[in-house]
């Protein structure tokens, strides 16, 4: 089909972009439903398959390491294939991947062995596909959203996506609890619980099919790629201690290591040890996300004014406290009050801390690394963080295997080890971090004066400027009729 290269100001291009951005909001809503009916329920599903604590550690270790390795090759794919094709095919493969995952529930119910091991491998593939699609999608959106509209557009998109994601998470929990209660009445709790997971994953696949249709309608400008400013991962590691960004990346990897010790076991503690229903489990999970959204605007101002190193230092110190807040829940004798406690104090403090950490982690890349090296630097930092999580999950699995109890519970001992490790990394490692731009001296009263939970939303930008030589907008023969209204 004939294509005429035109400028971004061409009226047909403007209409194509506006239509695509509206479609992207709808696609994001369906993607949020699909994601929160799959990724959010992989850990509970593993427990329903009778996964051991060691196997939960193996699951987290795999999904920590594989995405980082996959993203190192994502930039090469963008240079060889259209970004729309990369995203579309990755989404399509994730839909097909749900078929064997659904089969696992039935095969486990029928007594077929090794289903949890197969499930762990399939989840690893799912995360790899997500890691491959993510950079291509952000680059694609970066070519569509004008810079002066980026903050406003993504704020609107993220609010809608966040709303549908939370609704999906709560809806999935209600479905699972309903099937579990029905199974109790009919004497087959395991069978009906697995059937409930099948229903949740099936709904995830159906929602993802809608995403495919919407993605296919969106317009993608052609991307001209220039020769990349490459440097190897070994070169990055060799010089890491000598540069501010290198030390920052090592700090991120070290923190991921100590956090990874406990991450696989929050679900084990809530669902298995505390015997929570799925609705309580997901409510506590959602509460942390909710508090992150509330604190993002405040922490964004903090980052702009006082710098990302100060934000990282503060956030990592608070992250170190979170495991001890969870340990305190074991001291509450009343089951209901223990759940309410976890829903409020640890969720609020954890939400504040992780919002600051994620914001500082993303923003510091822009401050410390030039645009031509940013993509590779970001990939290498993510690989260090993924490797840290991988090793940490392995240590957590060893501790789970050793079954050392704290107040009669091995999960609490794992939380304590992670908490002590976090304190060491936060207070010792942060001394080696350095700011790379001029910032103001921190004023504690700022946090109280500027806090406004109703303003703003998360701002997203892509990290692939180092690849782009030229973005070409084009008009096809059919577009002239479709977008001119004739």
Foldseek 3Di string as FASTA:
>chain_A
DDWDFDDCPPLLNVLQLVVQLVLVLVLLLLLLLLCLLPVVCLLVVLVLLVNALLLLLQLQLLLLFQLLVLLLCLLVVVQPDQLLVLQLVLLVVLLVLLVVVLVLLVCSVVPNPPSSVVSSVSVSSNSSSVSNNVQSVQVQVQLRDDPVCQQVSVLVSCVSSLVSNLVSNLVLLVLLLVQQVVCVVVVHNSSSNSVSSSVSNVSSSVSSVVSSVSSVSHDGFDFDWDDAPDDDLVVLQVCLLVAQLSLVLLLLLLLLQLVLLQVSCPCVCVCPVLVDRSNLVSLLVVLLVLLLFLCLVLLVVVCVAANLLVLQLVLLQLVLCLLVQLLVLVVDPDSVVSSVSSSPDSSNSNSNSVSSNVVSVVVVLVLGDDLRCSSVSNSSSSNSSSNSSSNNSNNSSVQSVVQDDDVHGSSSVSSVSSSVSSNCSSVPSSVSHDGRDDHDDDDVCSSVVVRDRPDGGDGDHRRNSSTGPDTIDIDDPVSCCVSVVD
